[in-house]
């Protein structure tokens, strides 16, 4: 008999990809005791060293996702200038280890759930009591008891285990009035990929392909055009399985994908069509990266019409902006272009109601498995968008736990609070700005600009602002000071410029904007911190001429701070001291406070 351990917590997250990671961190920072159960040895899911997909999201330099994801990206720039996947894995791991409230269970596969059936509020008929995982390294079962759960497993493992309603496959054009060529609904999906990466060397390198490779020639790559010298070549189109079952057939498809990947490298190395003599195969993924499987059914189902028509949701908690990027089920062997590329009105609005179950009382979800149609998923599924969804779920779980209410009650009674929490944590909501306290609005700002206290934490076309009119550019050591009547200051909010367009970093657009790299070229650049970011600053409070240092940061790697103060002052002073690049100018996007 194998041993079994029982853990009681406030919130259990199943799946440690980018959505599950941010959900767990977000909830833990609000004080919840969190268990993060992940079946792999490293975090990040499709972004991890095991799969190596880029974290893509809303396109355009003013749409870059912030919040926890930007914290991770900036830390990675600081610690990982060569974009090593070994270091990237440790960065993600470190972000979880920093949180004392998270119990991390790696190598632990969710395999069972105990549920209670009944007549619960808002028409729900099921409640999860516990989930059970098996940790292969310790040969131990873990039973997790919690009032709230989140499925960020990608494949929606809790759907069959607890009876949560879900969908799979493609809807027809008539089902939701979407712009799809599918005339009759089916169970086809997008496929999965085993990626490969090369490394350019200074010496000739021979490649001998395995006998079981898939022999390929020029005609097989029509509309795909591999080019190992392009920084954006990550071989995403080595894709199969959309016309099969992306859960049941994964092992079979993995074998076929390995044949396809080794055949591709054989073609690149030995066909004579590429300047590949000095290239070595640096990585071949044995774990397929999935794009689509089960999608949960929530209180609301996002459709392609919502996206394309630019619908603004009153319960907006995140945004997207990736194109409608629908991959044909035949994958690599589909003749013609492998995918659609239909622009979306980024940033488009995403609703909270798509993040919790319509029939399971205490089940959230975040990631590519939220409540949406296949066509909507073709845009929403990318990992930067999924990370925003995870951060929103973590904050919603905190509100639900602290008020002892269900996920749906958060929508009915606490949605404005949820939105404000997200805004405080540097999550951009296109239809909303942060609320500024009355005392801050009326305080005398002796240095700086009023745009420091408008609740707009980035330059954006929605606000009709550019970088020059957003915030204030300070000189090193300049004091930005608020003067007001003596009172207790509860918190201060500070946002610096982390160069969301990544224009101060080296390389092309792909190098500058992604935290990780595909193939390694001899001239691949080394990264550094954005030159616009403030490196050292002080936050001071003053009362009757006596100053108190609230915070002194000498090696800042964050864009945003929401600082709890709870002290009596009559002045609040921000002093930017140095930046990571331009010592003459230190942009400050926001500086305000609440009483």
Protein backbone atom coordinates (compact mmCIF):
# COMPACT_ATOMS: atom_id res chain seq x y z
CA UNK A 1 0.00 0.00 0.00
CA UNK A 2 1.42 3.37 -1.03
CA UNK A 3 1.35 6.23 1.46
CA UNK A 4 -1.17 9.07 1.21
CA UNK A 5 -0.85 12.61 2.52
CA UNK A 6 -3.76 14.97 3.18
CA UNK A 7 -3.34 18.74 2.75
CA UNK A 8 -5.93 21.37 3.62
CA UNK A 9 -5.63 24.73 1.88
CA UNK A 10 -7.72 27.69 0.71
CA UNK A 11 -7.19 27.24 -3.02
CA UNK A 12 -5.92 24.34 -5.11
CA UNK A 13 -4.58 24.97 -8.63
CA UNK A 14 -4.15 22.00 -10.95
CA UNK A 15 -1.60 22.70 -13.68
CA UNK A 16 1.59 24.76 -13.48
CA UNK A 17 1.71 26.28 -16.95
CA UNK A 18 1.76 30.06 -17.28
CA UNK A 19 -1.94 30.37 -16.34
CA UNK A 20 -1.72 28.08 -13.32
CA UNK A 21 1.53 29.70 -12.24
CA UNK A 22 0.06 33.20 -12.22
CA UNK A 23 -3.17 32.00 -10.60
CA UNK A 24 -1.25 30.45 -7.71
CA UNK A 25 1.06 33.46 -7.24
CA UNK A 26 -1.82 35.93 -7.49
CA UNK A 27 -3.87 34.14 -4.83
CA UNK A 28 -0.88 33.57 -2.54
CA UNK A 29 -0.01 37.26 -2.58
CA UNK A 30 -3.51 37.95 -1.27
CA UNK A 31 -2.84 35.69 1.71
CA UNK A 32 -4.47 32.44 0.57
CA UNK A 33 -2.85 29.12 1.35
CA UNK A 34 -2.36 27.62 -2.11
CA UNK A 35 -1.45 24.18 -3.38
CA UNK A 36 -0.09 24.13 -6.94
CA UNK A 37 -0.20 20.61 -8.39
CA UNK A 38 1.77 20.11 -11.60
CA UNK A 39 2.48 16.83 -13.36
CA UNK A 40 5.83 17.85 -14.86
CA UNK A 41 9.24 18.43 -13.17
CA UNK A 42 9.44 22.03 -14.42
CA UNK A 43 6.93 24.87 -14.50
CA UNK A 44 5.71 26.85 -17.50
CA UNK A 45 3.84 24.24 -19.53
CA UNK A 46 4.26 24.99 -23.23
CA UNK A 47 6.79 27.71 -22.32
CA UNK A 48 9.03 25.36 -20.31
CA UNK A 49 12.30 23.79 -21.43
CA UNK A 50 10.42 20.57 -22.16
CA UNK A 51 8.33 22.11 -24.98
CA UNK A 52 9.84 25.61 -25.72
CA UNK A 53 6.96 27.56 -27.23
CA UNK A 54 7.20 31.34 -27.09
CA UNK A 55 4.88 33.27 -24.80
CA UNK A 56 2.81 35.18 -27.33
CA UNK A 57 0.00 37.62 -26.64
CA UNK A 58 -1.69 40.82 -27.74
CA UNK A 59 0.29 42.40 -30.53
CA UNK A 60 1.54 45.98 -30.61
CA UNK A 61 4.00 47.70 -28.30
CA UNK A 62 1.35 49.38 -26.14
CA UNK A 63 -0.55 46.11 -25.64
CA UNK A 64 2.19 44.16 -23.88
CA UNK A 65 0.83 42.18 -20.92
CA UNK A 66 2.00 43.42 -17.53
CA UNK A 67 1.25 42.21 -13.99
CA UNK A 68 3.02 39.04 -12.88
CA UNK A 69 4.02 38.17 -16.44
CA UNK A 70 5.99 41.40 -16.84
CA UNK A 71 7.64 40.79 -13.47
CA UNK A 72 8.81 37.41 -14.77
CA UNK A 73 9.97 38.86 -18.09
CA UNK A 74 12.03 41.60 -16.41
CA UNK A 75 13.59 39.17 -13.93
CA UNK A 76 14.50 36.93 -16.86
CA UNK A 77 16.20 39.84 -18.65
CA UNK A 78 18.23 40.49 -15.51
CA UNK A 79 19.23 36.91 -14.75
CA UNK A 80 19.23 35.32 -18.19
CA UNK A 81 20.95 37.52 -20.81
CA UNK A 82 21.64 34.57 -23.15
CA UNK A 83 18.07 33.24 -22.89
CA UNK A 84 19.21 29.89 -21.51
CA UNK A 85 16.30 27.53 -20.96
CA UNK A 86 18.02 26.10 -17.90
CA UNK A 87 17.96 29.54 -16.30
CA UNK A 88 14.43 30.28 -17.60
CA UNK A 89 13.17 27.19 -15.75
CA UNK A 90 14.79 28.44 -12.53
CA UNK A 91 13.23 31.89 -12.95
CA UNK A 92 9.72 30.39 -13.09
CA UNK A 93 10.54 28.04 -10.21
CA UNK A 94 11.89 30.95 -8.16
CA UNK A 95 8.69 32.97 -8.58
CA UNK A 96 6.75 30.15 -6.93
CA UNK A 97 9.34 29.45 -4.25
CA UNK A 98 9.27 33.13 -3.19
CA UNK A 99 5.67 32.74 -2.06
CA UNK A 100 5.55 31.24 1.44
CA UNK A 101 1.83 30.55 0.98
CA UNK A 102 2.33 28.14 -1.95
CA UNK A 103 2.86 24.41 -1.48
CA UNK A 104 4.31 23.19 -4.78
CA UNK A 105 3.75 19.59 -5.84
CA UNK A 106 5.84 18.85 -8.92
CA UNK A 107 5.75 15.49 -10.75
CA UNK A 108 2.24 15.12 -9.36
CA UNK A 109 -0.54 14.04 -11.73
CA UNK A 110 -4.14 14.86 -10.83
CA UNK A 111 -6.00 11.55 -11.07
CA UNK A 112 -9.18 11.72 -9.01
CA UNK A 113 -11.71 14.07 -7.43
CA UNK A 114 -14.30 13.59 -4.71
CA UNK A 115 -17.46 15.61 -5.24
CA UNK A 116 -20.69 16.40 -3.45
CA UNK A 117 -23.92 16.45 -5.42
CA UNK A 118 -26.71 18.79 -4.38
CA UNK A 119 -28.75 21.87 -5.07
CA UNK A 120 -26.20 24.66 -4.71
CA UNK A 121 -26.61 28.38 -5.26
CA UNK A 122 -27.14 29.81 -8.74
CA UNK A 123 -28.23 26.50 -10.23
CA UNK A 124 -25.02 24.57 -9.61
CA UNK A 125 -25.36 20.84 -8.86
CA UNK A 126 -21.80 19.79 -7.97
CA UNK A 127 -19.12 20.85 -5.52
CA UNK A 128 -15.57 19.53 -5.40
CA UNK A 129 -14.45 18.36 -1.95
CA UNK A 130 -10.95 17.02 -2.69
CA UNK A 131 -8.66 16.26 -5.59
CA UNK A 132 -6.04 13.52 -5.51
CA UNK A 133 -2.70 13.47 -7.29
CA UNK A 134 0.01 10.86 -7.59
CA UNK A 135 3.61 12.04 -7.22
CA UNK A 136 5.77 9.60 -9.12
CA UNK A 137 9.09 10.64 -7.55
CA UNK A 138 7.95 9.89 -4.00
CA UNK A 139 5.40 7.18 -4.86
CA UNK A 140 2.92 9.09 -2.75
CA UNK A 141 -0.71 10.10 -3.20
CA UNK A 142 -1.67 13.65 -2.23
CA UNK A 143 -5.27 14.42 -1.32
CA UNK A 144 -5.96 18.16 -1.39
CA UNK A 145 -8.98 19.55 0.44
CA UNK A 146 -10.04 23.10 -0.37
CA UNK A 147 -13.14 25.27 -0.72
CA UNK A 148 -11.99 26.48 -4.16
CA UNK A 149 -10.25 24.82 -7.10
CA UNK A 150 -8.82 25.95 -10.42
CA UNK A 151 -8.22 23.77 -13.47
CA UNK A 152 -5.31 25.18 -15.45
CA UNK A 153 -4.24 21.80 -16.78
CA UNK A 154 -4.85 22.69 -20.42
CA UNK A 155 -6.66 19.42 -21.03
CA UNK A 156 -9.29 20.21 -18.34
CA UNK A 157 -8.53 17.07 -16.36
CA UNK A 158 -11.10 18.01 -13.69
CA UNK A 159 -13.92 17.92 -16.26
CA UNK A 160 -14.13 14.10 -16.46
CA UNK A 161 -13.15 13.72 -12.80
CA UNK A 162 -15.81 15.99 -11.30
CA UNK A 163 -18.44 16.14 -14.05
CA UNK A 164 -17.85 19.73 -15.13
CA UNK A 165 -19.54 20.52 -18.42
CA UNK A 166 -17.14 20.98 -21.33
CA UNK A 167 -16.94 21.20 -25.12
CA UNK A 168 -14.46 19.83 -27.62
CA UNK A 169 -14.03 20.47 -31.33
CA UNK A 170 -15.25 23.04 -33.82
CA UNK A 171 -18.63 24.74 -33.89
CA UNK A 172 -20.39 25.32 -37.19
CA UNK A 173 -20.77 28.79 -38.70
CA UNK A 174 -24.47 28.78 -37.87
CA UNK A 175 -24.00 27.89 -34.18
CA UNK A 176 -22.78 31.34 -33.12
CA UNK A 177 -22.66 33.31 -36.36
CA UNK A 178 -18.88 33.02 -36.54
CA UNK A 179 -16.66 33.54 -39.57
CA UNK A 180 -15.71 29.90 -40.00
CA UNK A 181 -15.82 27.62 -43.02
CA UNK A 182 -16.99 24.71 -40.86
CA UNK A 183 -20.50 23.89 -42.05
CA UNK A 184 -21.21 21.10 -39.57
CA UNK A 185 -19.87 20.93 -36.02
CA UNK A 186 -17.23 18.24 -35.48
CA UNK A 187 -14.67 17.03 -32.92
CA UNK A 188 -11.61 18.21 -34.84
CA UNK A 189 -9.15 20.53 -33.13
CA UNK A 190 -5.81 22.16 -33.72
CA UNK A 191 -2.91 19.75 -33.48
CA UNK A 192 0.21 19.51 -31.34
CA UNK A 193 3.90 20.00 -32.04
CA UNK A 194 7.23 18.56 -30.99
CA UNK A 195 9.61 21.45 -31.57
CA UNK A 196 13.25 21.36 -32.58
CA UNK A 197 16.01 23.91 -32.15
CA UNK A 198 19.39 24.25 -33.80
CA UNK A 199 22.67 25.83 -32.73
CA UNK A 200 25.11 27.43 -35.14
CA UNK A 201 28.74 26.47 -34.46
CA UNK A 202 32.10 27.31 -36.05
CA UNK A 203 32.87 23.73 -37.14
CA UNK A 204 31.16 21.33 -39.58
CA UNK A 205 28.67 19.03 -37.81
CA UNK A 206 27.35 15.80 -39.32
CA UNK A 207 23.78 14.63 -38.78
CA UNK A 208 22.81 10.99 -39.22
CA UNK A 209 19.04 10.64 -39.10
CA UNK A 210 17.35 7.65 -37.45
CA UNK A 211 15.94 5.05 -39.81
CA UNK A 212 12.41 5.79 -38.61
CA UNK A 213 12.44 9.45 -39.62
CA UNK A 214 9.82 10.70 -42.06
CA UNK A 215 11.62 11.28 -45.41
CA UNK A 216 10.84 14.81 -46.59
CA UNK A 217 11.58 16.89 -49.65
CA UNK A 218 11.01 20.41 -50.96
CA UNK A 219 7.38 19.84 -51.92
CA UNK A 220 6.52 18.83 -48.33
CA UNK A 221 7.45 22.33 -47.14
CA UNK A 222 5.30 24.33 -49.50
CA UNK A 223 3.82 27.31 -47.60
CA UNK A 224 6.13 26.59 -44.65
CA UNK A 225 9.58 27.66 -45.89
CA UNK A 226 12.04 26.74 -43.09
CA UNK A 227 14.91 29.18 -42.56
CA UNK A 228 17.31 28.41 -39.71
CA UNK A 229 18.90 31.84 -40.00
CA UNK A 230 15.69 33.68 -39.10
CA UNK A 231 15.26 34.55 -35.43
CA UNK A 232 11.52 33.77 -35.67
CA UNK A 233 11.97 30.22 -37.01
CA UNK A 234 10.71 27.94 -34.26
CA UNK A 235 9.20 25.20 -36.46
CA UNK A 236 5.69 25.62 -35.01
CA UNK A 237 4.24 24.17 -38.21
CA UNK A 238 5.58 20.69 -37.39
CA UNK A 239 2.07 19.90 -36.21
CA UNK A 240 -0.13 16.79 -36.23
CA UNK A 241 -3.22 15.40 -34.54
CA UNK A 242 -6.05 17.86 -35.08
CA UNK A 243 -7.90 15.18 -37.04
CA UNK A 244 -7.39 12.68 -34.22
CA UNK A 245 -7.98 12.92 -30.45
CA UNK A 246 -5.41 15.21 -28.85
CA UNK A 247 -5.81 13.46 -25.50
CA UNK A 248 -6.39 9.77 -26.28
CA UNK A 249 -3.89 9.65 -29.15
CA UNK A 250 -1.10 11.73 -27.64
CA UNK A 251 1.46 8.91 -27.38
CA UNK A 252 0.85 7.79 -30.96
CA UNK A 253 1.03 11.38 -32.17
CA UNK A 254 4.24 11.97 -30.20
CA UNK A 255 5.88 9.13 -32.13
CA UNK A 256 4.68 10.57 -35.45
CA UNK A 257 5.88 14.05 -34.47
CA UNK A 258 9.35 12.74 -33.61
CA UNK A 259 9.50 11.11 -37.04
CA UNK A 260 8.45 14.41 -38.59
CA UNK A 261 10.94 16.50 -36.58
CA UNK A 262 13.94 14.26 -37.27
CA UNK A 263 12.92 14.12 -40.94
CA UNK A 264 12.84 17.90 -40.99
CA UNK A 265 16.31 18.22 -39.51
CA UNK A 266 17.59 15.59 -41.93
CA UNK A 267 16.18 17.66 -44.81
CA UNK A 268 17.78 20.84 -43.47
CA UNK A 269 21.16 19.20 -42.86
CA UNK A 270 21.47 16.79 -45.77
CA UNK A 271 19.37 18.04 -48.68
CA UNK A 272 21.97 20.57 -49.80
CA UNK A 273 19.37 23.34 -49.91
CA UNK A 274 20.51 25.13 -46.74
CA UNK A 275 23.75 26.65 -45.45
CA UNK A 276 23.65 24.21 -42.56
CA UNK A 277 27.09 22.59 -42.51
CA UNK A 278 28.02 24.13 -39.14
CA UNK A 279 24.62 23.66 -37.52
CA UNK A 280 23.97 21.16 -34.73
CA UNK A 281 20.65 19.83 -33.44
CA UNK A 282 20.43 21.47 -30.02
CA UNK A 283 16.97 20.36 -28.85
CA UNK A 284 14.21 17.97 -29.87
CA UNK A 285 11.06 18.00 -27.77
CA UNK A 286 9.70 14.63 -26.69
CA UNK A 287 6.70 16.20 -24.96
CA UNK A 288 4.18 17.51 -27.50
CA UNK A 289 2.98 21.05 -27.06
CA UNK A 290 -0.81 21.08 -27.27
CA UNK A 291 -2.95 23.84 -28.69
CA UNK A 292 -6.46 22.54 -28.02
CA UNK A 293 -8.49 19.85 -26.29
CA UNK A 294 -11.38 20.20 -23.81
CA UNK A 295 -12.83 23.65 -23.15
CA UNK A 296 -14.89 24.18 -19.99
CA UNK A 297 -18.42 25.58 -20.06
CA UNK A 298 -18.78 28.70 -17.94
CA UNK A 299 -21.37 31.27 -17.06
CA UNK A 300 -20.54 32.93 -20.38
CA UNK A 301 -19.00 31.54 -23.58
CA UNK A 302 -16.75 33.92 -25.51
CA UNK A 303 -17.27 33.77 -29.28
CA UNK A 304 -15.35 35.02 -32.27
CA UNK A 305 -18.11 37.60 -32.77
CA UNK A 306 -17.34 39.05 -29.32
CA UNK A 307 -13.71 39.43 -30.36
CA UNK A 308 -14.15 40.68 -33.93
CA UNK A 309 -16.95 43.10 -32.98
CA UNK A 310 -14.88 44.54 -30.12
CA UNK A 311 -17.48 43.79 -27.44
CA UNK A 312 -16.65 45.47 -24.13
CA UNK A 313 -17.66 43.43 -21.09
CA UNK A 314 -18.74 45.08 -17.85
CA UNK A 315 -16.90 42.27 -16.03
CA UNK A 316 -13.68 42.72 -18.02
CA UNK A 317 -10.73 41.17 -16.22
CA UNK A 318 -8.22 40.65 -19.04
CA UNK A 319 -7.67 41.28 -22.70
CA UNK A 320 -6.40 39.59 -25.85
CA UNK A 321 -5.01 40.70 -29.16
CA UNK A 322 -3.48 37.72 -30.96
CA UNK A 323 -4.94 37.13 -34.45
CA UNK A 324 -7.60 34.51 -35.12
CA UNK A 325 -4.91 31.91 -35.68
CA UNK A 326 -6.82 28.71 -36.49
CA UNK A 327 -4.62 25.78 -37.51
CA UNK A 328 -6.09 23.28 -39.95
CA UNK A 329 -6.64 19.81 -38.40
CA UNK A 330 -4.36 18.09 -40.92
CA UNK A 331 -1.41 20.05 -39.60
CA UNK A 332 1.84 19.57 -41.51
CA UNK A 333 0.21 17.43 -44.17
CA UNK A 334 -2.56 19.94 -44.89
CA UNK A 335 -1.92 21.29 -48.36
CA UNK A 336 -1.64 25.07 -48.57
CA UNK A 337 -1.22 27.57 -45.76
CA UNK A 338 -1.19 25.83 -42.35
CA UNK A 339 -3.26 28.42 -40.50
CA UNK A 340 -5.46 31.48 -40.73
CA UNK A 341 -4.20 34.91 -39.74
CA UNK A 342 -7.22 37.18 -39.25
CA UNK A 343 -6.44 40.40 -37.32
CA UNK A 344 -8.35 41.13 -34.13
CA UNK A 345 -9.15 44.55 -32.63
CA UNK A 346 -6.54 44.30 -29.94
CA UNK A 347 -6.81 44.89 -27.14
CA UNK A 348 -10.18 43.15 -26.95
CA UNK A 349 -12.13 42.58 -23.76
CA UNK A 350 -12.42 39.25 -21.90
CA UNK A 351 -15.09 38.61 -19.23
CA UNK A 352 -14.75 37.15 -15.75
CA UNK A 353 -17.83 34.98 -16.33
CA UNK A 354 -15.86 32.78 -18.74
CA UNK A 355 -13.52 31.70 -15.92
CA UNK A 356 -15.77 29.57 -13.71
CA UNK A 357 -18.00 26.55 -14.19
CA UNK A 358 -21.70 26.77 -15.00
CA UNK A 359 -22.46 23.56 -13.07
CA UNK A 360 -19.65 23.06 -10.49
CA UNK A 361 -20.08 25.49 -7.62
CA UNK A 362 -16.41 26.01 -6.66
CA UNK A 363 -14.46 25.46 -9.88
CA UNK A 364 -12.44 28.16 -11.65
CA UNK A 365 -10.43 27.63 -14.81
CA UNK A 366 -7.70 29.62 -16.55
CA UNK A 367 -5.73 29.02 -19.71
CA UNK A 368 -6.63 27.59 -23.10
CA UNK A 369 -9.53 25.72 -21.48
CA UNK A 370 -11.77 28.63 -20.51
CA UNK A 371 -15.37 28.95 -21.71
CA UNK A 372 -15.08 29.89 -25.39
CA UNK A 373 -15.77 28.59 -28.87
CA UNK A 374 -13.11 27.01 -31.03
CA UNK A 375 -12.80 30.15 -33.15
CA UNK A 376 -12.43 32.40 -30.10
CA UNK A 377 -9.85 29.99 -28.71
CA UNK A 378 -7.73 30.38 -31.85
CA UNK A 379 -6.82 33.84 -30.49
CA UNK A 380 -7.28 33.57 -26.71
CA UNK A 381 -5.18 30.38 -26.31
CA UNK A 382 -1.75 32.09 -26.45
CA UNK A 383 0.15 32.03 -23.19
CA UNK A 384 0.45 35.73 -22.41
CA UNK A 385 -3.33 36.05 -22.58
CA UNK A 386 -3.68 32.87 -20.50
CA UNK A 387 -1.33 34.31 -17.86
CA UNK A 388 -3.62 37.35 -17.50
CA UNK A 389 -6.58 35.00 -17.04
CA UNK A 390 -4.68 33.13 -14.34
CA UNK A 391 -3.85 36.30 -12.43
CA UNK A 392 -7.52 37.30 -12.55
CA UNK A 393 -8.61 33.89 -11.22
CA UNK A 394 -6.12 34.14 -8.36
CA UNK A 395 -7.54 37.49 -7.27
CA UNK A 396 -11.12 36.25 -7.70
CA UNK A 397 -10.36 33.20 -5.57
CA UNK A 398 -9.00 35.48 -2.84
CA UNK A 399 -12.19 37.56 -2.85
CA UNK A 400 -14.34 34.42 -2.80
CA UNK A 401 -12.35 32.88 0.07
CA UNK A 402 -12.28 36.02 2.21
CA UNK A 403 -16.02 36.59 1.78
CA UNK A 404 -16.99 32.89 1.85
CA UNK A 405 -18.84 33.16 -1.45
CA UNK A 406 -18.88 31.27 -4.73
CA UNK A 407 -17.10 32.31 -7.94
CA UNK A 408 -20.43 33.49 -9.36
CA UNK A 409 -21.06 35.64 -6.29
CA UNK A 410 -17.80 37.45 -7.03
CA UNK A 411 -19.38 38.51 -10.32
CA UNK A 412 -22.68 39.48 -8.70
CA UNK A 413 -21.28 41.37 -5.69
CA UNK A 414 -17.55 42.03 -5.99
CA UNK A 415 -16.62 42.54 -9.64
CA UNK A 416 -15.52 46.16 -9.17
CA UNK A 417 -13.29 45.11 -6.28
CA UNK A 418 -11.76 42.38 -8.46
CA UNK A 419 -11.06 44.86 -11.24
CA UNK A 420 -9.47 47.34 -8.84
CA UNK A 421 -7.24 44.64 -7.35
CA UNK A 422 -6.03 43.73 -10.83
CA UNK A 423 -5.37 47.35 -11.72
CA UNK A 424 -3.41 47.83 -8.50
CA UNK A 425 -1.23 44.88 -9.48
CA UNK A 426 -0.42 46.44 -12.87
CA UNK A 427 -2.91 44.46 -14.96
CA UNK A 428 -4.14 46.59 -17.86
CA UNK A 429 -7.91 46.62 -18.39
CA UNK A 430 -8.70 48.45 -21.66
CA UNK A 431 -12.10 49.74 -20.56
CA UNK A 432 -11.06 50.91 -17.07
CA UNK A 433 -8.48 53.02 -15.27
CA UNK A 434 -7.36 52.83 -11.66
CA UNK A 435 -9.41 54.80 -9.18
CA UNK A 436 -7.50 57.72 -7.65
CA UNK A 437 -8.34 58.82 -4.13
CA UNK A 438 -9.84 62.23 -3.54
CA UNK A 439 -7.01 63.27 -1.23
CA UNK A 440 -4.46 62.51 -3.95
CA UNK A 441 -6.44 64.47 -6.53
CA UNK A 442 -6.53 67.55 -4.31
CA UNK A 443 -2.98 67.30 -2.95
CA UNK A 444 -0.47 69.85 -4.18
CA UNK A 445 2.01 68.24 -6.58
CA UNK A 446 5.05 70.51 -6.32
CA UNK A 447 7.13 68.62 -8.90
CA UNK A 448 5.94 66.43 -11.74
CA UNK A 449 2.84 66.40 -13.91
CA UNK A 450 -0.85 65.77 -13.29
CA UNK A 451 -0.67 62.77 -15.62
CA UNK A 452 1.11 61.00 -12.75
CA UNK A 453 -2.26 60.74 -10.98
CA UNK A 454 -4.73 59.95 -13.75
CA UNK A 455 -4.88 56.18 -13.16
CA UNK A 456 -3.45 55.46 -16.62
CA UNK A 457 -0.47 53.21 -16.06
CA UNK A 458 0.78 53.13 -19.64
CA UNK A 459 0.80 55.19 -22.79
CA UNK A 460 -1.97 53.85 -24.99
CA UNK A 461 -4.06 54.88 -27.97
CA UNK A 462 -7.20 54.11 -25.92
CA UNK A 463 -6.18 56.94 -23.59
CA UNK A 464 -5.04 59.03 -26.56
CA UNK A 465 -1.58 59.29 -25.02
CA UNK A 466 1.93 58.55 -26.17
CA UNK A 467 5.09 58.11 -24.11
CA UNK A 468 5.84 61.85 -24.19
CA UNK A 469 2.50 62.78 -22.59
CA UNK A 470 2.32 59.86 -20.16
CA UNK A 471 3.63 60.50 -16.64
CA UNK A 472 6.75 62.56 -16.02
CA UNK A 473 10.40 62.32 -16.97
CA UNK A 474 12.48 62.99 -13.86
CA UNK A 475 16.10 63.88 -13.51
CA UNK A 476 18.27 61.70 -11.25
CA UNK A 477 17.70 62.68 -7.62
CA UNK A 478 14.72 64.92 -8.41
CA UNK A 479 12.04 64.89 -5.71
CA UNK A 480 8.44 64.37 -6.88
CA UNK A 481 6.44 65.65 -3.92
CA UNK A 482 2.81 65.63 -2.80
CA UNK A 483 1.81 68.10 -0.06
CA UNK A 484 -1.44 67.66 1.86
CA UNK A 485 -3.03 68.09 5.27
CA UNK A 486 -1.76 65.74 7.95
CA UNK A 487 -3.44 62.34 7.60
CA UNK A 488 -2.84 58.60 7.54
CA UNK A 489 -1.59 57.43 4.16
CA UNK A 490 -2.67 53.85 3.49
CA UNK A 491 -0.81 53.04 0.27
CA UNK A 492 1.24 54.48 -2.58
CA UNK A 493 1.23 53.36 -6.20
CA UNK A 494 4.33 53.75 -8.37
CA UNK A 495 4.78 52.68 -12.00
CA UNK A 496 8.04 53.04 -13.90
CA UNK A 497 8.68 52.64 -17.63
CA UNK A 498 9.83 49.12 -18.49
CA UNK A 499 9.90 49.88 -22.23
CA UNK A 500 6.84 47.82 -23.16
CA UNK A 501 7.84 48.04 -26.82
CA UNK A 502 11.29 46.69 -25.87
CA UNK A 503 12.83 49.28 -28.17
CA UNK A 504 15.95 49.63 -25.99
CA UNK A 505 16.86 45.95 -26.29
CA UNK A 506 19.12 44.46 -29.01
CA UNK A 507 18.11 42.32 -31.98
CA UNK A 508 15.05 42.16 -34.20
CA UNK A 509 11.44 42.28 -33.04
CA UNK A 510 11.34 38.59 -32.16
CA UNK A 511 14.51 38.77 -30.06
CA UNK A 512 13.41 41.90 -28.25
CA UNK A 513 9.89 40.82 -27.39
CA UNK A 514 10.25 37.15 -26.38
CA UNK A 515 11.71 35.92 -23.10
CA UNK A 516 13.11 32.79 -24.76
CA UNK A 517 14.84 31.98 -28.05
CA UNK A 518 14.38 29.36 -30.76
CA UNK A 519 17.61 28.45 -32.58
CA UNK A 520 20.92 29.89 -31.37
CA UNK A 521 22.92 31.82 -33.95
CA UNK A 522 26.53 32.85 -33.56
CA UNK A 523 25.43 36.48 -33.56
CA UNK A 524 22.40 36.07 -31.28
CA UNK A 525 22.53 39.11 -28.97
CA UNK A 526 22.83 39.17 -25.20
CA UNK A 527 19.92 40.83 -23.45
CA UNK A 528 19.98 43.48 -20.74
CA UNK A 529 17.48 45.40 -18.64
CA UNK A 530 15.33 48.00 -20.47
CA UNK A 531 17.28 51.23 -20.42
CA UNK A 532 14.20 53.26 -19.49
CA UNK A 533 13.56 51.36 -16.24
CA UNK A 534 14.35 53.06 -12.96
CA UNK A 535 17.12 51.13 -11.21
CA UNK A 536 17.23 52.87 -7.83
CA UNK A 537 14.63 54.97 -6.04
CA UNK A 538 13.46 56.08 -2.62
CA UNK A 539 9.96 56.63 -1.30
CA UNK A 540 9.80 59.00 1.65
CA UNK A 541 7.11 60.26 3.98
CA UNK A 542 7.36 63.57 5.81
CA UNK A 543 5.56 64.87 8.88
CA UNK A 544 6.24 68.31 10.33
CA UNK A 545 9.56 68.48 8.51
CA UNK A 546 10.78 65.07 9.71
CA UNK A 547 11.34 62.50 6.94
CA UNK A 548 10.84 58.75 7.15
CA UNK A 549 12.18 56.36 4.54
CA UNK A 550 9.37 54.03 3.49
CA UNK A 551 11.25 52.14 0.80
CA UNK A 552 14.73 52.33 -0.68
CA UNK A 553 15.30 50.08 -3.68
CA UNK A 554 18.82 49.98 -5.16
CA UNK A 555 18.46 47.20 -7.74
CA UNK A 556 14.91 47.56 -9.01
CA UNK A 557 13.69 44.97 -11.53
CA UNK A 558 9.97 45.71 -11.36
CA UNK A 559 7.72 48.01 -13.31
CA UNK A 560 5.05 48.53 -10.67
CA UNK A 561 4.77 48.84 -6.90
CA UNK A 562 1.63 49.06 -4.75
CA UNK A 563 3.13 49.84 -1.35
CA UNK A 564 1.20 49.52 1.92
CA UNK A 565 2.16 52.39 4.24
CA UNK A 566 -0.44 53.08 7.00
CA UNK A 567 1.46 55.98 8.57
CA UNK A 568 0.59 59.65 9.23
CA UNK A 569 2.31 62.17 6.93
CA UNK A 570 1.78 65.57 5.37
CA UNK A 571 4.12 64.95 2.42
CA UNK A 572 4.90 61.97 0.21
CA UNK A 573 8.08 62.08 -1.86
CA UNK A 574 9.34 59.83 -4.68
CA UNK A 575 13.01 60.19 -5.59
CA UNK A 576 14.15 58.35 -8.75
CA UNK A 577 17.94 58.06 -8.41
CA UNK A 578 19.30 56.05 -11.34
CA UNK A 579 18.05 54.12 -14.36
CA UNK A 580 19.31 51.01 -16.16
CA UNK A 581 20.52 53.00 -19.15
CA UNK A 582 19.83 56.68 -19.69
CA UNK A 583 21.15 58.41 -16.59
CA UNK A 584 19.79 61.79 -17.69
CA UNK A 585 16.13 60.74 -17.90
CA UNK A 586 14.08 58.46 -15.65
CA UNK A 587 10.46 58.12 -16.84
CA UNK A 588 7.83 57.72 -14.11
CA UNK A 589 4.45 56.63 -15.47
CA UNK A 590 2.37 56.88 -12.26
CA UNK A 591 2.83 58.08 -8.71
CA UNK A 592 -0.24 58.49 -6.52
CA UNK A 593 -1.51 57.51 -3.08
CA UNK A 594 -4.61 56.71 -1.05
CA UNK A 595 -5.59 57.64 2.48
